[in-house]
Amino acid sequence: MAGTHRTRGGTVQGSRRPRAPSFAPEMPLRGAPPRCTLGGRVTGMPALTFRALNAIAEVDRAAWDALADAQATPFVRWDFLHALEASGCASPRTGWTPRHPTLWRGGRLVAAAPGYLKSDSDGDFSRDWDWAQAAERVGLRYYPKLVLTVPFTPCTGRRILVAAGEDRAALVQALLREAAAFCEEGGAASLHALFPDEDEAAEHARAGLSVRVSYQFHWRNRGYRSVDDFLARFNSKKRAMLRREMAAPQKSPNTPTPLVVPTYAFPFTTIGTMNLLPAPK
């Protein structure tokens, strides 16, 4: 996992899920009306316009996908995001309200990120519940938060997409700054970018976000040709335990066709960044 966060509180990896904070308010933010980012705010660049979109369908598919570079995963493609939203998987009902931050030059999309407002941390894999509780204890708001991520998908990769030929560093800073301003003006408590790759996390840090490091568990196939090959790496006691665990779903009347996948894994370092927004006046 890699994540960057700009928040009014702070966020660090939590080891357990505490109760939901009591201060999570309703999310008042609507899609942002166009707002100009003048050349003086993005040094040496023509004027940009910021918009927060209420759905991925509000932007042309080809224009969005044209921003993807070699580091972008399929999960930030227009089709994947649209499938999540159109199916209702990523919707206000499930805790994911689309608010995609974008930058435009004239009528051309030059930078964008998948963004969603959330009043909790369910399904974003940030595991920041301890941070939320810490914010509550010192009287800081943590929710609602705007997360730049792909719903239900803890896959490291690009979060901010920038058109080829553009100054990526400048547009990343501009988009993060305008997204933070959007949050402040609309009453959101925090801005997060979850699971960016290491290079992008460094870009976010240069834009003023704080970096957090945590762990994620990955399973790697070390040449195993079958489940028995995988089990052979364990001693007899662990093999017996694993076989019992894998057989258990087959005995359940609620699982007529079980799919059994080994879940033992290895830890990998993950990156996150965060920052707190100023409290509303």
C-alpha atoms as a PDB file:
ATOM      1  CA  MET A   1       0.000   0.000   0.000  1.00  0.00           C
ATOM      2  CA  ALA A   2       1.096   3.499  -0.587  1.00  0.00           C
ATOM      3  CA  GLY A   3      -0.936   6.495   0.426  1.00  0.00           C
ATOM      4  CA  THR A   4      -0.686  10.205   0.674  1.00  0.00           C
ATOM      5  CA  HIS A   5      -2.871  12.230   2.938  1.00  0.00           C
ATOM      6  CA  ARG A   6      -3.535  15.898   3.488  1.00  0.00           C
ATOM      7  CA  THR A   7      -5.764  16.194   6.525  1.00  0.00           C
ATOM      8  CA  ARG A   8      -6.890  18.514   9.270  1.00  0.00           C
ATOM      9  CA  GLY A   9      -5.828  15.838  11.669  1.00  0.00           C
ATOM     10  CA  GLY A  10      -3.322  13.199  10.763  1.00  0.00           C
ATOM     11  CA  THR A  11      -3.385   9.608   9.748  1.00  0.00           C
ATOM     12  CA  VAL A  12      -1.183   6.653  10.547  1.00  0.00           C
ATOM     13  CA  GLN A  13      -1.669   2.949  10.105  1.00  0.00           C
ATOM     14  CA  GLY A  14      -3.886   1.465  12.828  1.00  0.00           C
ATOM     15  CA  SER A  15      -3.544  -2.125  13.993  1.00  0.00           C
ATOM     16  CA  ARG A  16      -7.181  -2.583  14.950  1.00  0.00           C
ATOM     17  CA  ARG A  17     -10.508  -1.084  14.030  1.00  0.00           C
ATOM     18  CA  PRO A  18     -11.975   0.994  16.834  1.00  0.00           C
ATOM     19  CA  ARG A  19     -15.508   2.228  16.979  1.00  0.00           C
ATOM     20  CA  ALA A  20     -16.518   4.795  14.388  1.00  0.00           C
ATOM     21  CA  PRO A  21     -15.744   8.358  15.515  1.00  0.00           C
ATOM     22  CA  SER A  22     -18.788  10.193  16.764  1.00  0.00           C
ATOM     23  CA  PHE A  23     -18.028  13.428  14.962  1.00  0.00           C
ATOM     24  CA  ALA A  24     -18.382  12.283  11.339  1.00  0.00           C
ATOM     25  CA  PRO A  25     -20.762  14.839   9.765  1.00  0.00           C
ATOM     26  CA  GLU A  26     -22.840  14.679   6.648  1.00  0.00           C
ATOM     27  CA  MET A  27     -20.797  15.452   3.546  1.00  0.00           C
ATOM     28  CA  PRO A  28     -21.812  18.835   2.171  1.00  0.00           C
ATOM     29  CA  LEU A  29     -19.438  18.991  -0.792  1.00  0.00           C
ATOM     30  CA  ARG A  30     -20.891  19.219  -4.252  1.00  0.00           C
ATOM     31  CA  GLY A  31     -18.964  19.156  -7.489  1.00  0.00           C
ATOM     32  CA  ALA A  32     -16.884  22.292  -7.669  1.00  0.00           C
ATOM     33  CA  PRO A  33     -17.871  25.051 -10.066  1.00  0.00           C
ATOM     34  CA  PRO A  34     -15.027  25.910 -12.420  1.00  0.00           C
ATOM     35  CA  ARG A  35     -12.346  27.906 -10.641  1.00  0.00           C
ATOM     36  CA  CYS A  36      -9.363  29.435 -12.377  1.00  0.00           C
ATOM     37  CA  THR A  37      -5.833  28.733 -11.267  1.00  0.00           C
ATOM     38  CA  LEU A  38      -4.031  31.757 -12.626  1.00  0.00           C
ATOM     39  CA  GLY A  39      -0.576  31.554 -14.150  1.00  0.00           C
ATOM     40  CA  GLY A  40       0.847  33.278 -11.098  1.00  0.00           C
ATOM     41  CA  ARG A  41      -0.253  30.341  -8.915  1.00  0.00           C
ATOM     42  CA  VAL A  42       1.297  27.827 -11.316  1.00  0.00           C
ATOM     43  CA  THR A  43       4.505  29.624 -12.187  1.00  0.00           C
ATOM     44  CA  GLY A  44       5.155  30.062 -15.863  1.00  0.00           C
ATOM     45  CA  MET A  45       2.075  28.106 -16.953  1.00  0.00           C
ATOM     46  CA  PRO A  46      -1.044  29.280 -18.776  1.00  0.00           C
ATOM     47  CA  ALA A  47      -4.212  29.560 -16.682  1.00  0.00           C
ATOM     48  CA  LEU A  48      -5.786  26.332 -15.506  1.00  0.00           C
ATOM     49  CA  THR A  49      -9.326  25.632 -14.377  1.00  0.00           C
ATOM     50  CA  PHE A  50     -10.164  23.272 -11.522  1.00  0.00           C
ATOM     51  CA  ARG A  51     -13.338  21.189 -11.478  1.00  0.00           C
ATOM     52  CA  ALA A  52     -14.442  18.420  -9.114  1.00  0.00           C
ATOM     53  CA  LEU A  53     -16.641  15.997 -11.045  1.00  0.00           C
ATOM     54  CA  ASN A  54     -19.665  14.278  -9.505  1.00  0.00           C
ATOM     55  CA  ALA A  55     -19.193  11.169 -11.662  1.00  0.00           C
ATOM     56  CA  ILE A  56     -16.575   9.745 -13.988  1.00  0.00           C
ATOM     57  CA  ALA A  57     -19.275   9.847 -16.686  1.00  0.00           C
ATOM     58  CA  GLU A  58     -18.998  13.665 -16.657  1.00  0.00           C
ATOM     59  CA  VAL A  59     -15.673  13.429 -18.500  1.00  0.00           C
ATOM     60  CA  ASP A  60     -15.027  11.930 -21.930  1.00  0.00           C
ATOM     61  CA  ARG A  61     -13.606   8.423 -21.752  1.00  0.00           C
ATOM     62  CA  ALA A  62     -10.858   9.099 -24.308  1.00  0.00           C
ATOM     63  CA  ALA A  63      -9.832  12.344 -22.590  1.00  0.00           C
ATOM     64  CA  TRP A  64      -9.449  10.607 -19.204  1.00  0.00           C
ATOM     65  CA  ASP A  65      -7.602   7.565 -20.542  1.00  0.00           C
ATOM     66  CA  ALA A  66      -5.251   9.779 -22.562  1.00  0.00           C
ATOM     67  CA  LEU A  67      -3.726  10.907 -19.244  1.00  0.00           C
ATOM     68  CA  ALA A  68      -2.588   7.395 -18.287  1.00  0.00           C
ATOM     69  CA  ASP A  69       1.126   6.694 -18.601  1.00  0.00           C
ATOM     70  CA  ALA A  70       3.142   3.482 -18.263  1.00  0.00           C
ATOM     71  CA  GLN A  71       2.921   3.650 -14.453  1.00  0.00           C
ATOM     72  CA  ALA A  72      -0.890   3.785 -14.461  1.00  0.00           C
ATOM     73  CA  THR A  73      -2.694   0.550 -13.607  1.00  0.00           C
ATOM     74  CA  PRO A  74      -5.898  -0.619 -15.332  1.00  0.00           C
ATOM     75  CA  PHE A  75      -7.772   0.323 -12.157  1.00  0.00           C
ATOM     76  CA  VAL A  76      -7.559   4.058 -12.887  1.00  0.00           C
ATOM     77  CA  ARG A  77      -8.929   3.631 -16.396  1.00  0.00           C
ATOM     78  CA  TRP A  78     -12.271   5.221 -17.215  1.00  0.00           C
ATOM     79  CA  ASP A  79     -13.973   1.867 -17.886  1.00  0.00           C
ATOM     80  CA  PHE A  80     -13.068   0.419 -14.481  1.00  0.00           C
ATOM     81  CA  LEU A  81     -14.133   3.509 -12.553  1.00  0.00           C
ATOM     82  CA  HIS A  82     -17.327   3.798 -14.587  1.00  0.00           C
ATOM     83  CA  ALA A  83     -18.165   0.138 -13.916  1.00  0.00           C
ATOM     84  CA  LEU A  84     -17.789   0.745 -10.165  1.00  0.00           C
ATOM     85  CA  GLU A  85     -20.004   3.822 -10.256  1.00  0.00           C
ATOM     86  CA  ALA A  86     -22.619   2.710 -12.779  1.00  0.00           C
ATOM     87  CA  SER A  87     -23.126  -0.598 -10.963  1.00  0.00           C
ATOM     88  CA  GLY A  88     -23.632   1.175  -7.640  1.00  0.00           C
ATOM     89  CA  CYS A  89     -20.562  -0.428  -6.060  1.00  0.00           C
ATOM     90  CA  ALA A  90     -18.975   3.002  -5.603  1.00  0.00           C
ATOM     91  CA  SER A  91     -21.901   5.230  -4.718  1.00  0.00           C
ATOM     92  CA  PRO A  92     -23.149   7.355  -1.820  1.00  0.00           C
ATOM     93  CA  ARG A  93     -25.198   4.345  -0.682  1.00  0.00           C
ATOM     94  CA  THR A  94     -22.006   2.299  -0.202  1.00  0.00           C
ATOM     95  CA  GLY A  95     -20.032   5.182   1.295  1.00  0.00           C
ATOM     96  CA  TRP A  96     -18.282   6.373  -1.865  1.00  0.00           C
ATOM     97  CA  THR A  97     -19.451   9.746  -3.213  1.00  0.00           C
ATOM     98  CA  PRO A  98     -17.573  10.567  -6.457  1.00  0.00           C
ATOM     99  CA  ARG A  99     -15.710  13.895  -6.476  1.00  0.00           C
ATOM    100  CA  HIS A 100     -12.953  13.553  -9.052  1.00  0.00           C
ATOM    101  CA  PRO A 101     -10.527  16.526  -8.991  1.00  0.00           C
ATOM    102  CA  THR A 102      -9.500  17.675 -12.478  1.00  0.00           C
ATOM    103  CA  LEU A 103      -7.451  20.441 -14.089  1.00  0.00           C
ATOM    104  CA  TRP A 104      -8.320  21.885 -17.484  1.00  0.00           C
ATOM    105  CA  ARG A 105      -6.559  24.223 -19.878  1.00  0.00           C
ATOM    106  CA  GLY A 106      -9.277  25.666 -22.040  1.00  0.00           C
ATOM    107  CA  GLY A 107     -11.386  22.680 -23.009  1.00  0.00           C
ATOM    108  CA  ARG A 108      -8.547  20.163 -22.646  1.00  0.00           C
ATOM    109  CA  LEU A 109      -8.188  17.885 -19.627  1.00  0.00           C
ATOM    110  CA  VAL A 110      -4.548  18.020 -18.470  1.00  0.00           C
ATOM    111  CA  ALA A 111      -4.608  16.376 -15.008  1.00  0.00           C
ATOM    112  CA  ALA A 112      -7.035  14.294 -12.969  1.00  0.00           C
ATOM    113  CA  ALA A 113      -7.332  11.811 -10.125  1.00  0.00           C
ATOM    114  CA  PRO A 114     -10.059   9.412  -9.045  1.00  0.00           C
ATOM    115  CA  GLY A 115     -11.522  10.998  -5.912  1.00  0.00           C
ATOM    116  CA  TYR A 116     -14.302  10.054  -3.482  1.00  0.00           C
ATOM    117  CA  LEU A 117     -15.779  11.644  -0.391  1.00  0.00           C
ATOM    118  CA  LYS A 118     -16.114   9.320   2.583  1.00  0.00           C
ATOM    119  CA  SER A 119     -17.545   9.742   6.058  1.00  0.00           C
ATOM    120  CA  ASP A 120     -15.725   6.612   7.257  1.00  0.00           C
ATOM    121  CA  SER A 121     -12.766   4.451   6.227  1.00  0.00           C
ATOM    122  CA  ASP A 122     -14.645   1.308   5.212  1.00  0.00           C
ATOM    123  CA  GLY A 123     -13.354  -0.250   2.021  1.00  0.00           C
ATOM    124  CA  ASP A 124     -10.452   2.117   1.368  1.00  0.00           C
ATOM    125  CA  PHE A 125      -7.864  -0.082   3.146  1.00  0.00           C
ATOM    126  CA  SER A 126      -6.251   2.974   4.780  1.00  0.00           C
ATOM    127  CA  ARG A 127      -6.676   1.436   8.240  1.00  0.00           C
ATOM    128  CA  ASP A 128      -6.602   4.930   9.695  1.00  0.00           C
ATOM    129  CA  TRP A 129      -9.192   4.394  12.435  1.00  0.00           C
ATOM    130  CA  ASP A 130      -6.632   5.055  15.175  1.00  0.00           C
ATOM    131  CA  TRP A 131      -5.794   8.377  13.546  1.00  0.00           C
ATOM    132  CA  ALA A 132      -9.466   9.269  13.416  1.00  0.00           C
ATOM    133  CA  GLN A 133      -9.870   8.491  17.096  1.00  0.00           C
ATOM    134  CA  ALA A 134      -6.720  10.432  17.949  1.00  0.00           C
ATOM    135  CA  ALA A 135      -8.136  13.440  16.087  1.00  0.00           C
ATOM    136  CA  GLU A 136     -11.403  13.116  18.003  1.00  0.00           C
ATOM    137  CA  ARG A 137      -9.587  13.030  21.350  1.00  0.00           C
ATOM    138  CA  VAL A 138      -7.841  16.345  20.654  1.00  0.00           C
ATOM    139  CA  GLY A 139     -10.934  17.980  19.192  1.00  0.00           C
ATOM    140  CA  LEU A 140     -10.009  17.792  15.492  1.00  0.00           C
ATOM    141  CA  ARG A 141     -12.332  16.805  12.681  1.00  0.00           C
ATOM    142  CA  TYR A 142     -11.175  13.901  10.526  1.00  0.00           C
ATOM    143  CA  TYR A 143     -14.274  13.174   8.430  1.00  0.00           C
ATOM    144  CA  PRO A 144     -15.550  13.664   5.857  1.00  0.00           C
ATOM    145  CA  LYS A 145     -12.373  12.969   3.934  1.00  0.00           C
ATOM    146  CA  LEU A 146     -11.628  13.225   0.232  1.00  0.00           C
ATOM    147  CA  VAL A 147      -9.611  10.194  -0.846  1.00  0.00           C
ATOM    148  CA  LEU A 148      -7.719   9.988  -4.121  1.00  0.00           C
ATOM    149  CA  THR A 149      -7.875   6.253  -4.676  1.00  0.00           C
ATOM    150  CA  VAL A 150      -9.739   3.439  -6.394  1.00  0.00           C
ATOM    151  CA  PRO A 151     -12.637   2.060  -4.324  1.00  0.00           C
ATOM    152  CA  PHE A 152     -12.045  -1.330  -2.710  1.00  0.00           C
ATOM    153  CA  THR A 153      -8.702  -1.674  -4.550  1.00  0.00           C
ATOM    154  CA  PRO A 154      -5.505  -1.527  -2.438  1.00  0.00           C
ATOM    155  CA  CYS A 155      -3.265  -1.679  -5.519  1.00  0.00           C
ATOM    156  CA  THR A 156      -0.222   0.601  -5.691  1.00  0.00           C
ATOM    157  CA  GLY A 157       0.060   2.786  -8.786  1.00  0.00           C
ATOM    158  CA  ARG A 158      -0.564   6.234 -10.215  1.00  0.00           C
ATOM    159  CA  ARG A 159      -3.156   8.331  -8.442  1.00  0.00           C
ATOM    160  CA  ILE A 160      -2.685  11.669 -10.202  1.00  0.00           C
ATOM    161  CA  LEU A 161      -2.743  11.363 -13.985  1.00  0.00           C
ATOM    162  CA  VAL A 162      -1.074  14.068 -16.085  1.00  0.00           C
ATOM    163  CA  ALA A 163      -1.184  14.560 -19.853  1.00  0.00           C
ATOM    164  CA  ALA A 164       1.935  13.743 -21.831  1.00  0.00           C
ATOM    165  CA  GLY A 165       4.075  16.777 -22.592  1.00  0.00           C
ATOM    166  CA  GLU A 166       2.837  18.692 -19.535  1.00  0.00           C
ATOM    167  CA  ASP A 167       4.976  19.665 -16.544  1.00  0.00           C
ATOM    168  CA  ARG A 168       3.999  16.795 -14.265  1.00  0.00           C
ATOM    169  CA  ALA A 169       5.573  18.216 -11.096  1.00  0.00           C
ATOM    170  CA  ALA A 170       3.775  21.542 -11.487  1.00  0.00           C
ATOM    171  CA  LEU A 171       0.398  19.975 -12.271  1.00  0.00           C
ATOM    172  CA  VAL A 172       0.617  17.498  -9.377  1.00  0.00           C
ATOM    173  CA  GLN A 173       1.231  20.408  -7.014  1.00  0.00           C
ATOM    174  CA  ALA A 174      -1.554  22.457  -8.604  1.00  0.00           C
ATOM    175  CA  LEU A 175      -4.107  19.637  -8.416  1.00  0.00           C
ATOM    176  CA  LEU A 176      -3.291  18.834  -4.771  1.00  0.00           C
ATOM    177  CA  ARG A 177      -3.461  22.501  -3.839  1.00  0.00           C
ATOM    178  CA  GLU A 178      -6.807  23.003  -5.564  1.00  0.00           C
ATOM    179  CA  ALA A 179      -8.204  19.759  -4.111  1.00  0.00           C
ATOM    180  CA  ALA A 180      -7.205  20.964  -0.632  1.00  0.00           C
ATOM    181  CA  ALA A 181      -8.879  24.318  -1.282  1.00  0.00           C
ATOM    182  CA  PHE A 182     -11.998  22.487  -2.492  1.00  0.00           C
ATOM    183  CA  CYS A 183     -12.063  20.540   0.788  1.00  0.00           C
ATOM    184  CA  GLU A 184     -11.558  23.645   2.908  1.00  0.00           C
ATOM    185  CA  GLU A 185     -14.230  25.638   1.101  1.00  0.00           C
ATOM    186  CA  GLY A 186     -16.721  22.762   1.213  1.00  0.00           C
ATOM    187  CA  GLY A 187     -16.124  21.696   4.803  1.00  0.00           C
ATOM    188  CA  ALA A 188     -14.260  18.422   4.297  1.00  0.00           C
ATOM    189  CA  ALA A 189     -11.782  17.729   7.076  1.00  0.00           C
ATOM    190  CA  SER A 190      -9.036  15.900   5.220  1.00  0.00           C
ATOM    191  CA  LEU A 191      -7.474  15.067   1.867  1.00  0.00           C
ATOM    192  CA  HIS A 192      -5.843  11.670   1.317  1.00  0.00           C
ATOM    193  CA  ALA A 193      -4.172   9.892  -1.590  1.00  0.00           C
ATOM    194  CA  LEU A 194      -3.980   6.161  -0.986  1.00  0.00           C
ATOM    195  CA  PHE A 195      -1.572   3.687  -2.555  1.00  0.00           C
ATOM    196  CA  PRO A 196       0.456   5.958  -4.866  1.00  0.00           C
ATOM    197  CA  ASP A 197       3.731   4.480  -6.059  1.00  0.00           C
ATOM    198  CA  GLU A 198       6.967   5.539  -4.385  1.00  0.00           C
ATOM    199  CA  ASP A 199       7.840   8.219  -6.946  1.00  0.00           C
ATOM    200  CA  GLU A 200       4.405   9.798  -6.729  1.00  0.00           C
ATOM    201  CA  ALA A 201       4.484   9.729  -2.937  1.00  0.00           C
ATOM    202  CA  ALA A 202       7.669  11.804  -3.162  1.00  0.00           C
ATOM    203  CA  GLU A 203       5.839  14.249  -5.447  1.00  0.00           C
ATOM    204  CA  HIS A 204       3.080  14.568  -2.889  1.00  0.00           C
ATOM    205  CA  ALA A 205       5.613  15.180  -0.144  1.00  0.00           C
ATOM    206  CA  ARG A 206       7.152  18.008  -2.168  1.00  0.00           C
ATOM    207  CA  ALA A 207       3.646  19.453  -2.455  1.00  0.00           C
ATOM    208  CA  GLY A 208       3.430  19.608   1.339  1.00  0.00           C
ATOM    209  CA  LEU A 209       1.806  16.294   2.243  1.00  0.00           C
ATOM    210  CA  SER A 210       3.247  14.086   4.963  1.00  0.00           C
ATOM    211  CA  VAL A 211       4.435  10.554   4.243  1.00  0.00           C
ATOM    212  CA  ARG A 212       3.447   7.543   6.293  1.00  0.00           C
ATOM    213  CA  VAL A 213       4.928   4.059   5.971  1.00  0.00           C
ATOM    214  CA  SER A 214       3.045   0.888   6.793  1.00  0.00           C
ATOM    215  CA  TYR A 215       2.815  -2.747   5.721  1.00  0.00           C
ATOM    216  CA  GLN A 216       0.768  -4.788   3.291  1.00  0.00           C
ATOM    217  CA  PHE A 217       0.775  -8.546   2.839  1.00  0.00           C
ATOM    218  CA  HIS A 218       1.351 -10.056  -0.603  1.00  0.00           C
ATOM    219  CA  TRP A 219       1.333 -13.674  -1.674  1.00  0.00           C
ATOM    220  CA  ARG A 220       3.980 -14.577  -4.239  1.00  0.00           C
ATOM    221  CA  ASN A 221       4.104 -17.782  -6.230  1.00  0.00           C
ATOM    222  CA  ARG A 222       7.613 -19.157  -5.670  1.00  0.00           C
ATOM    223  CA  GLY A 223       7.287 -21.676  -8.478  1.00  0.00           C
ATOM    224  CA  TYR A 224       4.426 -23.622  -6.859  1.00  0.00           C
ATOM    225  CA  ARG A 225       2.609 -25.778  -9.422  1.00  0.00           C
ATOM    226  CA  SER A 226      -0.141 -26.880  -7.045  1.00  0.00           C
ATOM    227  CA  VAL A 227      -1.509 -26.362  -3.548  1.00  0.00           C
ATOM    228  CA  ASP A 228       0.498 -29.390  -2.442  1.00  0.00           C
ATOM    229  CA  ASP A 229       3.685 -27.690  -3.685  1.00  0.00           C
ATOM    230  CA  PHE A 230       2.804 -24.675  -1.573  1.00  0.00           C
ATOM    231  CA  LEU A 231       2.016 -26.768   1.502  1.00  0.00           C
ATOM    232  CA  ALA A 232       5.325 -28.615   1.199  1.00  0.00           C
ATOM    233  CA  ARG A 233       7.204 -25.537   2.413  1.00  0.00           C
ATOM    234  CA  PHE A 234       5.584 -25.913   5.885  1.00  0.00           C
ATOM    235  CA  ASN A 235       6.196 -28.446   8.619  1.00  0.00           C
ATOM    236  CA  SER A 236       3.657 -31.234   9.193  1.00  0.00           C
ATOM    237  CA  LYS A 237       1.782 -29.377  11.939  1.00  0.00           C
ATOM    238  CA  LYS A 238       1.229 -26.287   9.797  1.00  0.00           C
ATOM    239  CA  ARG A 239       0.321 -28.388   6.766  1.00  0.00           C
ATOM    240  CA  ALA A 240      -2.365 -30.146   8.780  1.00  0.00           C
ATOM    241  CA  MET A 241      -3.699 -26.813  10.062  1.00  0.00           C
ATOM    242  CA  LEU A 242      -3.856 -25.381   6.545  1.00  0.00           C
ATOM    243  CA  ARG A 243      -5.616 -28.435   5.183  1.00  0.00           C
ATOM    244  CA  ARG A 244      -8.260 -28.140   7.911  1.00  0.00           C
ATOM    245  CA  GLU A 245      -8.760 -24.441   7.125  1.00  0.00           C
ATOM    246  CA  MET A 246      -9.116 -25.109   3.394  1.00  0.00           C
ATOM    247  CA  ALA A 247     -11.533 -27.981   3.960  1.00  0.00           C
ATOM    248  CA  ALA A 248     -13.791 -26.028   6.318  1.00  0.00           C
ATOM    249  CA  PRO A 249     -15.744 -24.091   3.624  1.00  0.00           C
ATOM    250  CA  GLN A 250     -16.628 -27.342   1.860  1.00  0.00           C
ATOM    251  CA  LYS A 251     -18.450 -28.501   4.996  1.00  0.00           C
ATOM    252  CA  SER A 252     -20.546 -25.352   5.221  1.00  0.00           C
ATOM    253  CA  PRO A 253     -24.128 -25.600   3.881  1.00  0.00           C
ATOM    254  CA  ASN A 254     -23.887 -21.924   2.884  1.00  0.00           C
ATOM    255  CA  THR A 255     -20.931 -22.513   0.560  1.00  0.00           C
ATOM    256  CA  PRO A 256     -22.038 -24.979  -2.144  1.00  0.00           C
ATOM    257  CA  THR A 257     -19.102 -24.184  -4.459  1.00  0.00           C
ATOM    258  CA  PRO A 258     -16.189 -22.974  -2.317  1.00  0.00           C
ATOM    259  CA  LEU A 259     -13.145 -21.326  -3.822  1.00  0.00           C
ATOM    260  CA  VAL A 260     -10.136 -22.055  -1.610  1.00  0.00           C
ATOM    261  CA  VAL A 261      -7.089 -19.816  -1.886  1.00  0.00           C
ATOM    262  CA  PRO A 262      -4.104 -19.897   0.510  1.00  0.00           C
ATOM    263  CA  THR A 263      -3.838 -16.621   2.387  1.00  0.00           C
ATOM    264  CA  TYR A 264      -0.439 -16.921   4.027  1.00  0.00           C
ATOM    265  CA  ALA A 265       1.687 -14.056   2.841  1.00  0.00           C
ATOM    266  CA  PHE A 266       4.812 -11.985   3.271  1.00  0.00           C
ATOM    267  CA  PRO A 267       5.003  -8.374   4.501  1.00  0.00           C
ATOM    268  CA  PHE A 268       5.935  -5.543   2.164  1.00  0.00           C
ATOM    269  CA  THR A 269       6.660  -1.968   3.143  1.00  0.00           C
ATOM    270  CA  THR A 270       3.997   0.442   1.963  1.00  0.00           C
ATOM    271  CA  ILE A 271       3.955   4.194   1.692  1.00  0.00           C
ATOM    272  CA  GLY A 272       1.399   6.785   2.602  1.00  0.00           C
ATOM    273  CA  THR A 273       1.423  10.531   2.882  1.00  0.00           C
ATOM    274  CA  MET A 274      -0.843  12.887   4.745  1.00  0.00           C
ATOM    275  CA  ASN A 275      -1.383  16.458   5.810  1.00  0.00           C
ATOM    276  CA  LEU A 276      -3.938  18.277   7.948  1.00  0.00           C
ATOM    277  CA  LEU A 277      -6.125  21.036   6.593  1.00  0.00           C
ATOM    278  CA  PRO A 278      -6.694  24.135   8.696  1.00  0.00           C
ATOM    279  CA  ALA A 279      -9.757  24.025  10.895  1.00  0.00           C
ATOM    280  CA  PRO A 280     -12.763  25.949   9.601  1.00  0.00           C
ATOM    281  CA  LYS A 281     -13.081  29.464  10.995  1.00  0.00           C
END
